[in-house]
């Protein structure tokens, strides 16, 4: 991931993240990786973005969720699940391996 001057400061269960990400997707992935780390409850996002694009939404996985079900909810089309899978790599390695409580990035589609 392209991030300049990345700094992660952890205080108890809160992480503060700063630095300049190449784009919005990179920024969101950094925040997700930090926020999905065991012991971190909140992330204070102080990052900036070099190339600005529309922000993604975030979805907390519930019991019974699948990437297809999540894609249907956000995009109106379950077959758009690869967009969500790709947006959450390398955190996700298999589209069938998501778990309740996990936070996923739902990118804006043009």
PDB file of N, CA and C in Angstrom:
ATOM      1  N   UNK A   1       0.841  -1.181   0.000  1.00  0.00           N
ATOM      2  CA  UNK A   1       0.000   0.000   0.000  1.00  0.00           C
ATOM      3  C   UNK A   1       0.886   1.244   0.000  1.00  0.00           C
ATOM      4  N   UNK A   2       0.481   2.234  -0.751  1.00  0.00           N
ATOM      5  CA  UNK A   2       1.254   3.459  -0.876  1.00  0.00           C
ATOM      6  C   UNK A   2       0.821   4.477   0.172  1.00  0.00           C
ATOM      7  N   UNK A   3       1.638   4.568   1.246  1.00  0.00           N
ATOM      8  CA  UNK A   3       1.366   5.521   2.321  1.00  0.00           C
ATOM      9  C   UNK A   3       2.684   6.165   2.729  1.00  0.00           C
ATOM     10  N   UNK A   4       2.711   7.476   2.768  1.00  0.00           N
ATOM     11  CA  UNK A   4       3.892   8.200   3.228  1.00  0.00           C
ATOM     12  C   UNK A   4       3.735   8.554   4.691  1.00  0.00           C
ATOM     13  N   UNK A   5       4.818   8.404   5.439  1.00  0.00           N
ATOM     14  CA  UNK A   5       4.875   8.800   6.845  1.00  0.00           C
ATOM     15  C   UNK A   5       3.768   8.164   7.688  1.00  0.00           C
ATOM     16  N   UNK A   6       3.498   6.889   7.460  1.00  0.00           N
ATOM     17  CA  UNK A   6       2.471   6.192   8.236  1.00  0.00           C
ATOM     18  C   UNK A   6       2.900   6.105   9.695  1.00  0.00           C
ATOM     19  N   UNK A   7       1.986   6.495  10.578  1.00  0.00           N
ATOM     20  CA  UNK A   7       2.232   6.429  12.012  1.00  0.00           C
ATOM     21  C   UNK A   7       0.981   5.863  12.676  1.00  0.00           C
ATOM     22  N   UNK A   8       1.169   4.820  13.475  1.00  0.00           N
ATOM     23  CA  UNK A   8       0.064   4.233  14.235  1.00  0.00           C
ATOM     24  C   UNK A   8       0.447   4.307  15.701  1.00  0.00           C
ATOM     25  N   UNK A   9      -0.337   5.038  16.475  1.00  0.00           N
ATOM     26  CA  UNK A   9      -0.119   5.185  17.913  1.00  0.00           C
ATOM     27  C   UNK A   9      -1.259   4.472  18.625  1.00  0.00           C
ATOM     28  N   UNK A  10      -0.910   3.551  19.525  1.00  0.00           N
ATOM     29  CA  UNK A  10      -1.927   2.790  20.245  1.00  0.00           C
ATOM     30  C   UNK A  10      -1.915   3.192  21.712  1.00  0.00           C
ATOM     31  N   UNK A  11      -3.112   3.523  22.212  1.00  0.00           N
ATOM     32  CA  UNK A  11      -3.295   3.855  23.611  1.00  0.00           C
ATOM     33  C   UNK A  11      -4.470   3.032  24.117  1.00  0.00           C
ATOM     34  N   UNK A  12      -4.161   1.986  24.876  1.00  0.00           N
ATOM     35  CA  UNK A  12      -5.158   1.053  25.386  1.00  0.00           C
ATOM     36  C   UNK A  12      -5.864   0.373  24.212  1.00  0.00           C
ATOM     37  N   UNK A  13      -7.165   0.622  23.986  1.00  0.00           N
ATOM     38  CA  UNK A  13      -7.877  -0.042  22.884  1.00  0.00           C
ATOM     39  C   UNK A  13      -8.185   0.927  21.736  1.00  0.00           C
ATOM     40  N   UNK A  14      -7.500   2.101  21.722  1.00  0.00           N
ATOM     41  CA  UNK A  14      -7.710   3.095  20.671  1.00  0.00           C
ATOM     42  C   UNK A  14      -6.414   3.264  19.892  1.00  0.00           C
ATOM     43  N   UNK A  15      -6.533   3.294  18.561  1.00  0.00           N
ATOM     44  CA  UNK A  15      -5.374   3.530  17.707  1.00  0.00           C
ATOM     45  C   UNK A  15      -5.571   4.844  16.959  1.00  0.00           C
ATOM     46  N   UNK A  16      -4.523   5.651  16.889  1.00  0.00           N
ATOM     47  CA  UNK A  16      -4.535   6.890  16.115  1.00  0.00           C
ATOM     48  C   UNK A  16      -3.643   6.651  14.903  1.00  0.00           C
ATOM     49  N   UNK A  17      -4.196   6.897  13.704  1.00  0.00           N
ATOM     50  CA  UNK A  17      -3.479   6.636  12.460  1.00  0.00           C
ATOM     51  C   UNK A  17      -3.300   7.940  11.706  1.00  0.00           C
ATOM     52  N   UNK A  18      -2.056   8.205  11.261  1.00  0.00           N
ATOM     53  CA  UNK A  18      -1.791   9.394  10.461  1.00  0.00           C
ATOM     54  C   UNK A  18      -0.830   9.044   9.333  1.00  0.00           C
ATOM     55  N   UNK A  19      -0.733   9.929   8.377  1.00  0.00           N
ATOM     56  CA  UNK A  19       0.112   9.736   7.204  1.00  0.00           C
ATOM     57  C   UNK A  19      -0.665  10.153   5.973  1.00  0.00           C
ATOM     58  N   UNK A  20      -0.009  10.108   4.797  1.00  0.00           N
ATOM     59  CA  UNK A  20      -0.685  10.463   3.556  1.00  0.00           C
ATOM     60  C   UNK A  20      -0.791   9.231   2.664  1.00  0.00           C
ATOM     61  N   UNK A  21      -2.034   8.834   2.402  1.00  0.00           N
ATOM     62  CA  UNK A  21      -2.304   7.707   1.522  1.00  0.00           C
ATOM     63  C   UNK A  21      -2.355   8.178   0.078  1.00  0.00           C
ATOM     64  N   UNK A  22      -1.971   7.309  -0.839  1.00  0.00           N
ATOM     65  CA  UNK A  22      -2.017   7.638  -2.262  1.00  0.00           C
ATOM     66  C   UNK A  22      -3.440   7.953  -2.715  1.00  0.00           C
ATOM     67  N   UNK A  23      -4.416   7.139  -2.242  1.00  0.00           N
ATOM     68  CA  UNK A  23      -5.809   7.341  -2.628  1.00  0.00           C
ATOM     69  C   UNK A  23      -6.742   6.932  -1.498  1.00  0.00           C
ATOM     70  N   UNK A  24      -8.025   7.185  -1.683  1.00  0.00           N
ATOM     71  CA  UNK A  24      -9.037   6.891  -0.660  1.00  0.00           C
ATOM     72  C   UNK A  24      -9.068   5.406  -0.320  1.00  0.00           C
ATOM     73  N   UNK A  25      -8.952   4.539  -1.328  1.00  0.00           N
ATOM     74  CA  UNK A  25      -8.985   3.096  -1.092  1.00  0.00           C
ATOM     75  C   UNK A  25      -7.850   2.662  -0.173  1.00  0.00           C
ATOM     76  N   UNK A  26      -6.666   3.200  -0.396  1.00  0.00           N
ATOM     77  CA  UNK A  26      -5.517   2.857   0.450  1.00  0.00           C
ATOM     78  C   UNK A  26      -5.753   3.316   1.877  1.00  0.00           C
ATOM     79  N   UNK A  27      -6.254   4.533   2.031  1.00  0.00           N
ATOM     80  CA  UNK A  27      -6.548   5.058   3.370  1.00  0.00           C
ATOM     81  C   UNK A  27      -7.539   4.151   4.093  1.00  0.00           C
ATOM     82  N   UNK A  28      -8.601   3.780   3.405  1.00  0.00           N
ATOM     83  CA  UNK A  28      -9.634   2.949   4.024  1.00  0.00           C
ATOM     84  C   UNK A  28      -9.102   1.563   4.393  1.00  0.00           C
ATOM     85  N   UNK A  29      -8.220   1.001   3.560  1.00  0.00           N
ATOM     86  CA  UNK A  29      -7.644  -0.310   3.872  1.00  0.00           C
ATOM     87  C   UNK A  29      -6.754  -0.235   5.115  1.00  0.00           C
ATOM     88  N   UNK A  30      -5.973   0.838   5.230  1.00  0.00           N
ATOM     89  CA  UNK A  30      -5.125   1.007   6.419  1.00  0.00           C
ATOM     90  C   UNK A  30      -5.999   1.067   7.672  1.00  0.00           C
ATOM     91  N   UNK A  31      -7.066   1.856   7.614  1.00  0.00           N
ATOM     92  CA  UNK A  31      -7.965   1.993   8.764  1.00  0.00           C
ATOM     93  C   UNK A  31      -8.616   0.653   9.102  1.00  0.00           C
ATOM     94  N   UNK A  32      -9.009  -0.115   8.079  1.00  0.00           N
ATOM     95  CA  UNK A  32      -9.619  -1.427   8.313  1.00  0.00           C
ATOM     96  C   UNK A  32      -8.642  -2.397   8.954  1.00  0.00           C
ATOM     97  N   UNK A  33      -7.425  -2.438   8.444  1.00  0.00           N
ATOM     98  CA  UNK A  33      -6.427  -3.360   9.001  1.00  0.00           C
ATOM     99  C   UNK A  33      -6.175  -3.036  10.470  1.00  0.00           C
ATOM    100  N   UNK A  34      -6.013  -1.753  10.763  1.00  0.00           N
ATOM    101  CA  UNK A  34      -5.775  -1.355  12.154  1.00  0.00           C
ATOM    102  C   UNK A  34      -7.014  -1.651  13.001  1.00  0.00           C
ATOM    103  N   UNK A  35      -8.185  -1.291  12.513  1.00  0.00           N
ATOM    104  CA  UNK A  35      -9.419  -1.475  13.278  1.00  0.00           C
ATOM    105  C   UNK A  35      -9.813  -2.921  13.483  1.00  0.00           C
ATOM    106  N   UNK A  36      -9.401  -3.813  12.582  1.00  0.00           N
ATOM    107  CA  UNK A  36      -9.709  -5.236  12.732  1.00  0.00           C
ATOM    108  C   UNK A  36      -8.618  -5.998  13.480  1.00  0.00           C
ATOM    109  N   UNK A  37      -7.698  -5.274  14.093  1.00  0.00           N
ATOM    110  CA  UNK A  37      -6.648  -5.890  14.896  1.00  0.00           C
ATOM    111  C   UNK A  37      -7.189  -6.194  16.293  1.00  0.00           C
ATOM    112  N   UNK A  38      -6.888  -7.378  16.788  1.00  0.00           N
ATOM    113  CA  UNK A  38      -7.353  -7.777  18.119  1.00  0.00           C
ATOM    114  C   UNK A  38      -6.931  -6.740  19.161  1.00  0.00           C
ATOM    115  N   UNK A  39      -7.874  -6.337  19.992  1.00  0.00           N
ATOM    116  CA  UNK A  39      -7.608  -5.394  21.067  1.00  0.00           C
ATOM    117  C   UNK A  39      -7.878  -3.944  20.713  1.00  0.00           C
ATOM    118  N   UNK A  40      -8.132  -3.651  19.435  1.00  0.00           N
ATOM    119  CA  UNK A  40      -8.420  -2.278  19.016  1.00  0.00           C
ATOM    120  C   UNK A  40      -9.932  -2.113  18.888  1.00  0.00           C
ATOM    121  N   UNK A  41     -10.491  -1.175  19.648  1.00  0.00           N
ATOM    122  CA  UNK A  41     -11.934  -0.933  19.626  1.00  0.00           C
ATOM    123  C   UNK A  41     -12.295   0.246  18.726  1.00  0.00           C
ATOM    124  N   UNK A  42     -11.426   1.271  18.680  1.00  0.00           N
ATOM    125  CA  UNK A  42     -11.702   2.453  17.864  1.00  0.00           C
ATOM    126  C   UNK A  42     -10.439   2.915  17.158  1.00  0.00           C
ATOM    127  N   UNK A  43     -10.648   3.580  16.015  1.00  0.00           N
ATOM    128  CA  UNK A  43      -9.534   4.144  15.256  1.00  0.00           C
ATOM    129  C   UNK A  43      -9.798   5.627  15.054  1.00  0.00           C
ATOM    130  N   UNK A  44      -8.854   6.449  15.475  1.00  0.00           N
ATOM    131  CA  UNK A  44      -8.909   7.889  15.247  1.00  0.00           C
ATOM    132  C   UNK A  44      -8.166   8.149  13.942  1.00  0.00           C
ATOM    133  N   UNK A  45      -8.913   8.440  12.888  1.00  0.00           N
ATOM    134  CA  UNK A  45      -8.370   8.624  11.551  1.00  0.00           C
ATOM    135  C   UNK A  45      -7.896  10.050  11.363  1.00  0.00           C
ATOM    136  N   UNK A  46      -6.582  10.221  11.252  1.00  0.00           N
ATOM    137  CA  UNK A  46      -6.003  11.529  10.985  1.00  0.00           C
ATOM    138  C   UNK A  46      -5.215  11.504   9.674  1.00  0.00           C
ATOM    139  N   UNK A  47      -5.547  10.541   8.803  1.00  0.00           N
ATOM    140  CA  UNK A  47      -4.837  10.407   7.539  1.00  0.00           C
ATOM    141  C   UNK A  47      -5.343  11.419   6.507  1.00  0.00           C
ATOM    142  N   UNK A  48      -4.480  11.767   5.570  1.00  0.00           N
ATOM    143  CA  UNK A  48      -4.845  12.593   4.431  1.00  0.00           C
ATOM    144  C   UNK A  48      -4.721  11.747   3.165  1.00  0.00           C
ATOM    145  N   UNK A  49      -5.306  12.251   2.081  1.00  0.00           N
ATOM    146  CA  UNK A  49      -5.318  11.516   0.818  1.00  0.00           C
ATOM    147  C   UNK A  49      -4.772  12.401  -0.292  1.00  0.00           C
ATOM    148  N   UNK A  50      -3.875  11.837  -1.090  1.00  0.00           N
ATOM    149  CA  UNK A  50      -3.288  12.573  -2.203  1.00  0.00           C
ATOM    150  C   UNK A  50      -4.257  12.675  -3.391  1.00  0.00           C
ATOM    151  N   UNK A  51      -4.881  11.564  -3.772  1.00  0.00           N
ATOM    152  CA  UNK A  51      -5.820  11.521  -4.903  1.00  0.00           C
ATOM    153  C   UNK A  51      -7.218  11.224  -4.363  1.00  0.00           C
ATOM    154  N   UNK A  52      -8.072  12.230  -4.310  1.00  0.00           N
ATOM    155  CA  UNK A  52      -9.380  12.116  -3.667  1.00  0.00           C
ATOM    156  C   UNK A  52     -10.417  11.515  -4.619  1.00  0.00           C
ATOM    157  N   UNK A  53     -11.155  10.524  -4.119  1.00  0.00           N
ATOM    158  CA  UNK A  53     -12.290   9.894  -4.813  1.00  0.00           C
ATOM    159  C   UNK A  53     -13.395   9.714  -3.778  1.00  0.00           C
ATOM    160  N   UNK A  54     -14.633   9.374  -4.198  1.00  0.00           N
ATOM    161  CA  UNK A  54     -15.705   9.192  -3.209  1.00  0.00           C
ATOM    162  C   UNK A  54     -15.349   8.159  -2.131  1.00  0.00           C
ATOM    163  N   UNK A  55     -15.748   8.463  -0.907  1.00  0.00           N
ATOM    164  CA  UNK A  55     -15.479   7.567   0.211  1.00  0.00           C
ATOM    165  C   UNK A  55     -16.336   6.317   0.132  1.00  0.00           C
ATOM    166  N   UNK A  56     -15.790   5.242   0.680  1.00  0.00           N
ATOM    167  CA  UNK A  56     -16.531   3.990   0.781  1.00  0.00           C
ATOM    168  C   UNK A  56     -17.423   4.020   2.010  1.00  0.00           C
ATOM    169  N   UNK A  57     -18.332   3.062   2.063  1.00  0.00           N
ATOM    170  CA  UNK A  57     -19.110   2.828   3.275  1.00  0.00           C
ATOM    171  C   UNK A  57     -18.443   1.658   4.001  1.00  0.00           C
ATOM    172  N   UNK A  58     -18.793   1.472   5.247  1.00  0.00           N
ATOM    173  CA  UNK A  58     -18.272   0.342   6.008  1.00  0.00           C
ATOM    174  C   UNK A  58     -19.437  -0.488   6.506  1.00  0.00           C
ATOM    175  N   UNK A  59     -19.239  -1.795   6.528  1.00  0.00           N
ATOM    176  CA  UNK A  59     -20.289  -2.722   6.932  1.00  0.00           C
ATOM    177  C   UNK A  59     -19.719  -3.673   7.975  1.00  0.00           C
ATOM    178  N   UNK A  60     -20.408  -3.796   9.098  1.00  0.00           N
ATOM    179  CA  UNK A  60     -20.024  -4.772  10.110  1.00  0.00           C
ATOM    180  C   UNK A  60     -20.788  -6.061   9.824  1.00  0.00           C
ATOM    181  N   UNK A  61     -20.040  -7.124   9.596  1.00  0.00           N
ATOM    182  CA  UNK A  61     -20.627  -8.416   9.230  1.00  0.00           C
ATOM    183  C   UNK A  61     -21.488  -8.942  10.375  1.00  0.00           C
ATOM    184  N   UNK A  62     -22.708  -9.360  10.041  1.00  0.00           N
ATOM    185  CA  UNK A  62     -23.634  -9.964  10.999  1.00  0.00           C
ATOM    186  C   UNK A  62     -23.725 -11.461  10.709  1.00  0.00           C
ATOM    187  N   UNK A  63     -24.196 -12.196  11.671  1.00  0.00           N
ATOM    188  CA  UNK A  63     -24.394 -13.636  11.479  1.00  0.00           C
ATOM    189  C   UNK A  63     -25.324 -13.853  10.290  1.00  0.00           C
ATOM    190  N   UNK A  64     -24.956 -14.751   9.397  1.00  0.00           N
ATOM    191  CA  UNK A  64     -25.761 -15.042   8.218  1.00  0.00           C
ATOM    192  C   UNK A  64     -25.394 -14.219   6.997  1.00  0.00           C
ATOM    193  N   UNK A  65     -24.547 -13.208   7.165  1.00  0.00           N
ATOM    194  CA  UNK A  65     -24.124 -12.405   6.025  1.00  0.00           C
ATOM    195  C   UNK A  65     -23.224 -13.205   5.093  1.00  0.00           C
ATOM    196  N   UNK A  66     -23.332 -12.915   3.814  1.00  0.00           N
ATOM    197  CA  UNK A  66     -22.407 -13.385   2.788  1.00  0.00           C
ATOM    198  C   UNK A  66     -22.019 -12.160   1.980  1.00  0.00           C
ATOM    199  N   UNK A  67     -20.937 -12.268   1.218  1.00  0.00           N
ATOM    200  CA  UNK A  67     -20.574 -11.123   0.386  1.00  0.00           C
ATOM    201  C   UNK A  67     -21.660 -10.834  -0.636  1.00  0.00           C
ATOM    202  N   UNK A  68     -22.334 -11.876  -1.133  1.00  0.00           N
ATOM    203  CA  UNK A  68     -23.439 -11.682  -2.072  1.00  0.00           C
ATOM    204  C   UNK A  68     -24.594 -10.926  -1.437  1.00  0.00           C
ATOM    205  N   UNK A  69     -24.935 -11.290  -0.212  1.00  0.00           N
ATOM    206  CA  UNK A  69     -26.027 -10.622   0.493  1.00  0.00           C
ATOM    207  C   UNK A  69     -25.676  -9.155   0.763  1.00  0.00           C
ATOM    208  N   UNK A  70     -24.431  -8.923   1.123  1.00  0.00           N
ATOM    209  CA  UNK A  70     -23.969  -7.559   1.387  1.00  0.00           C
ATOM    210  C   UNK A  70     -23.981  -6.745   0.091  1.00  0.00           C
ATOM    211  N   UNK A  71     -23.526  -7.345  -1.009  1.00  0.00           N
ATOM    212  CA  UNK A  71     -23.535  -6.662  -2.311  1.00  0.00           C
ATOM    213  C   UNK A  71     -24.961  -6.330  -2.739  1.00  0.00           C
ATOM    214  N   UNK A  72     -25.880  -7.236  -2.509  1.00  0.00           N
ATOM    215  CA  UNK A  72     -27.288  -7.000  -2.853  1.00  0.00           C
ATOM    216  C   UNK A  72     -27.808  -5.784  -2.079  1.00  0.00           C
ATOM    217  N   UNK A  73     -27.450  -5.702  -0.794  1.00  0.00           N
ATOM    218  CA  UNK A  73     -27.904  -4.596   0.050  1.00  0.00           C
ATOM    219  C   UNK A  73     -27.353  -3.251  -0.442  1.00  0.00           C
ATOM    220  N   UNK A  74     -26.060  -3.184  -0.725  1.00  0.00           N
ATOM    221  CA  UNK A  74     -25.435  -1.907  -1.063  1.00  0.00           C
ATOM    222  C   UNK A  74     -25.535  -1.546  -2.549  1.00  0.00           C
ATOM    223  N   UNK A  75     -25.490  -2.562  -3.424  1.00  0.00           N
ATOM    224  CA  UNK A  75     -25.454  -2.304  -4.860  1.00  0.00           C
ATOM    225  C   UNK A  75     -26.717  -2.740  -5.596  1.00  0.00           C
ATOM    226  N   UNK A  76     -27.595  -3.472  -4.909  1.00  0.00           N
ATOM    227  CA  UNK A  76     -28.793  -3.967  -5.562  1.00  0.00           C
ATOM    228  C   UNK A  76     -28.542  -5.170  -6.454  1.00  0.00           C
ATOM    229  N   UNK A  77     -27.322  -5.751  -6.370  1.00  0.00           N
ATOM    230  CA  UNK A  77     -26.956  -6.868  -7.224  1.00  0.00           C
ATOM    231  C   UNK A  77     -25.969  -7.764  -6.477  1.00  0.00           C
ATOM    232  N   UNK A  78     -26.402  -8.974  -6.128  1.00  0.00           N
ATOM    233  CA  UNK A  78     -25.553  -9.910  -5.382  1.00  0.00           C
ATOM    234  C   UNK A  78     -24.296 -10.288  -6.160  1.00  0.00           C
ATOM    235  N   UNK A  79     -24.354 -10.226  -7.482  1.00  0.00           N
ATOM    236  CA  UNK A  79     -23.207 -10.619  -8.309  1.00  0.00           C
ATOM    237  C   UNK A  79     -22.076  -9.586  -8.290  1.00  0.00           C
ATOM    238  N   UNK A  80     -22.269  -8.494  -7.599  1.00  0.00           N
ATOM    239  CA  UNK A  80     -21.214  -7.487  -7.443  1.00  0.00           C
ATOM    240  C   UNK A  80     -20.306  -7.809  -6.247  1.00  0.00           C
ATOM    241  N   UNK A  81     -20.495  -8.995  -5.638  1.00  0.00           N
ATOM    242  CA  UNK A  81     -19.689  -9.347  -4.462  1.00  0.00           C
ATOM    243  C   UNK A  81     -18.188  -9.307  -4.721  1.00  0.00           C
ATOM    244  N   UNK A  82     -17.684  -9.599  -5.967  1.00  0.00           N
ATOM    245  CA  UNK A  82     -16.233  -9.506  -6.172  1.00  0.00           C
ATOM    246  C   UNK A  82     -15.678  -8.097  -5.920  1.00  0.00           C
ATOM    247  N   UNK A  83     -16.500  -7.068  -6.112  1.00  0.00           N
ATOM    248  CA  UNK A  83     -16.058  -5.697  -5.837  1.00  0.00           C
ATOM    249  C   UNK A  83     -15.715  -5.535  -4.352  1.00  0.00           C
ATOM    250  N   UNK A  84     -16.550  -6.124  -3.505  1.00  0.00           N
ATOM    251  CA  UNK A  84     -16.320  -6.053  -2.059  1.00  0.00           C
ATOM    252  C   UNK A  84     -15.114  -6.909  -1.679  1.00  0.00           C
ATOM    253  N   UNK A  85     -15.030  -8.090  -2.260  1.00  0.00           N
ATOM    254  CA  UNK A  85     -13.898  -8.982  -1.984  1.00  0.00           C
ATOM    255  C   UNK A  85     -12.579  -8.297  -2.340  1.00  0.00           C
ATOM    256  N   UNK A  86     -12.486  -7.738  -3.537  1.00  0.00           N
ATOM    257  CA  UNK A  86     -11.257  -7.078  -3.984  1.00  0.00           C
ATOM    258  C   UNK A  86     -10.914  -5.869  -3.115  1.00  0.00           C
ATOM    259  N   UNK A  87     -11.935  -5.157  -2.669  1.00  0.00           N
ATOM    260  CA  UNK A  87     -11.719  -3.959  -1.851  1.00  0.00           C
ATOM    261  C   UNK A  87     -11.188  -4.292  -0.462  1.00  0.00           C
ATOM    262  N   UNK A  88     -11.305  -5.541  -0.060  1.00  0.00           N
ATOM    263  CA  UNK A  88     -10.895  -5.928   1.288  1.00  0.00           C
ATOM    264  C   UNK A  88      -9.697  -6.856   1.310  1.00  0.00           C
ATOM    265  N   UNK A  89      -9.018  -7.010   0.155  1.00  0.00           N
ATOM    266  CA  UNK A  89      -7.766  -7.755   0.120  1.00  0.00           C
ATOM    267  C   UNK A  89      -6.685  -6.868   0.692  1.00  0.00           C
ATOM    268  N   UNK A  90      -5.699  -7.317   1.366  1.00  0.00           N
ATOM    269  CA  UNK A  90      -5.363  -8.697   1.661  1.00  0.00           C
ATOM    270  C   UNK A  90      -6.015  -9.235   2.925  1.00  0.00           C
ATOM    271  N   UNK A  91      -6.870  -8.411   3.561  1.00  0.00           N
ATOM    272  CA  UNK A  91      -7.528  -8.879   4.782  1.00  0.00           C
ATOM    273  C   UNK A  91      -8.381 -10.109   4.502  1.00  0.00           C
ATOM    274  N   UNK A  92      -9.071 -10.131   3.343  1.00  0.00           N
ATOM    275  CA  UNK A  92      -9.842 -11.308   2.944  1.00  0.00           C
ATOM    276  C   UNK A  92      -9.024 -12.119   1.950  1.00  0.00           C
ATOM    277  N   UNK A  93      -8.988 -13.428   2.164  1.00  0.00           N
ATOM    278  CA  UNK A  93      -8.273 -14.307   1.244  1.00  0.00           C
ATOM    279  C   UNK A  93      -9.221 -15.239   0.507  1.00  0.00           C
ATOM    280  N   UNK A  94     -10.475 -15.296   0.948  1.00  0.00           N
ATOM    281  CA  UNK A  94     -11.477 -16.163   0.340  1.00  0.00           C
ATOM    282  C   UNK A  94     -12.834 -15.491   0.530  1.00  0.00           C
ATOM    283  N   UNK A  95     -13.631 -15.353  -0.547  1.00  0.00           N
ATOM    284  CA  UNK A  95     -14.923 -14.669  -0.405  1.00  0.00           C
ATOM    285  C   UNK A  95     -15.908 -15.377   0.518  1.00  0.00           C
ATOM    286  N   UNK A  96     -15.661 -16.638   0.833  1.00  0.00           N
ATOM    287  CA  UNK A  96     -16.553 -17.381   1.718  1.00  0.00           C
ATOM    288  C   UNK A  96     -16.109 -17.343   3.181  1.00  0.00           C
ATOM    289  N   UNK A  97     -15.019 -16.627   3.471  1.00  0.00           N
ATOM    290  CA  UNK A  97     -14.492 -16.613   4.831  1.00  0.00           C
ATOM    291  C   UNK A  97     -14.592 -15.231   5.448  1.00  0.00           C
ATOM    292  N   UNK A  98     -15.827 -14.839   5.788  1.00  0.00           N
ATOM    293  CA  UNK A  98     -16.061 -13.628   6.563  1.00  0.00           C
ATOM    294  C   UNK A  98     -16.700 -14.061   7.872  1.00  0.00           C
ATOM    295  N   UNK A  99     -16.624 -13.228   8.886  1.00  0.00           N
ATOM    296  CA  UNK A  99     -17.139 -13.619  10.194  1.00  0.00           C
ATOM    297  C   UNK A  99     -17.847 -12.450  10.876  1.00  0.00           C
ATOM    298  N   UNK A 100     -18.829 -12.761  11.728  1.00  0.00           N
ATOM    299  CA  UNK A 100     -19.554 -11.718  12.440  1.00  0.00           C
ATOM    300  C   UNK A 100     -18.606 -10.815  13.235  1.00  0.00           C
ATOM    301  N   UNK A 101     -18.872  -9.521  13.154  1.00  0.00           N
ATOM    302  CA  UNK A 101     -18.053  -8.542  13.855  1.00  0.00           C
ATOM    303  C   UNK A 101     -16.957  -7.945  12.984  1.00  0.00           C
ATOM    304  N   UNK A 102     -16.625  -8.601  11.897  1.00  0.00           N
ATOM    305  CA  UNK A 102     -15.602  -8.096  10.978  1.00  0.00           C
ATOM    306  C   UNK A 102     -16.152  -6.870  10.259  1.00  0.00           C
ATOM    307  N   UNK A 103     -15.324  -5.871  10.065  1.00  0.00           N
ATOM    308  CA  UNK A 103     -15.743  -4.666   9.359  1.00  0.00           C
ATOM    309  C   UNK A 103     -15.172  -4.713   7.945  1.00  0.00           C
ATOM    310  N   UNK A 104     -16.056  -4.547   6.957  1.00  0.00           N
ATOM    311  CA  UNK A 104     -15.660  -4.589   5.557  1.00  0.00           C
ATOM    312  C   UNK A 104     -15.827  -3.228   4.896  1.00  0.00           C
ATOM    313  N   UNK A 105     -14.972  -2.953   3.952  1.00  0.00           N
ATOM    314  CA  UNK A 105     -15.031  -1.740   3.154  1.00  0.00           C
ATOM    315  C   UNK A 105     -15.949  -2.003   1.963  1.00  0.00           C
ATOM    316  N   UNK A 106     -16.942  -1.148   1.762  1.00  0.00           N
ATOM    317  CA  UNK A 106     -17.874  -1.248   0.643  1.00  0.00           C
ATOM    318  C   UNK A 106     -17.573  -0.055  -0.274  1.00  0.00           C
ATOM    319  N   UNK A 107     -16.801  -0.295  -1.354  1.00  0.00           N
ATOM    320  CA  UNK A 107     -16.394   0.832  -2.186  1.00  0.00           C
ATOM    321  C   UNK A 107     -17.538   1.447  -2.978  1.00  0.00           C
ATOM    322  N   UNK A 108     -17.382   2.720  -3.273  1.00  0.00           N
ATOM    323  CA  UNK A 108     -18.323   3.436  -4.128  1.00  0.00           C
ATOM    324  C   UNK A 108     -18.125   2.935  -5.547  1.00  0.00           C
ATOM    325  N   UNK A 109     -19.194   2.610  -6.249  1.00  0.00           N
ATOM    326  CA  UNK A 109     -19.110   2.201  -7.645  1.00  0.00           C
ATOM    327  C   UNK A 109     -19.514   3.365  -8.519  1.00  0.00           C
ATOM    328  N   UNK A 110     -18.760   3.582  -9.585  1.00  0.00           N
ATOM    329  CA  UNK A 110     -19.092   4.679 -10.518  1.00  0.00           C
ATOM    330  C   UNK A 110     -20.302   4.346 -11.344  1.00  0.00           C
TER     331      UNK A 110
END
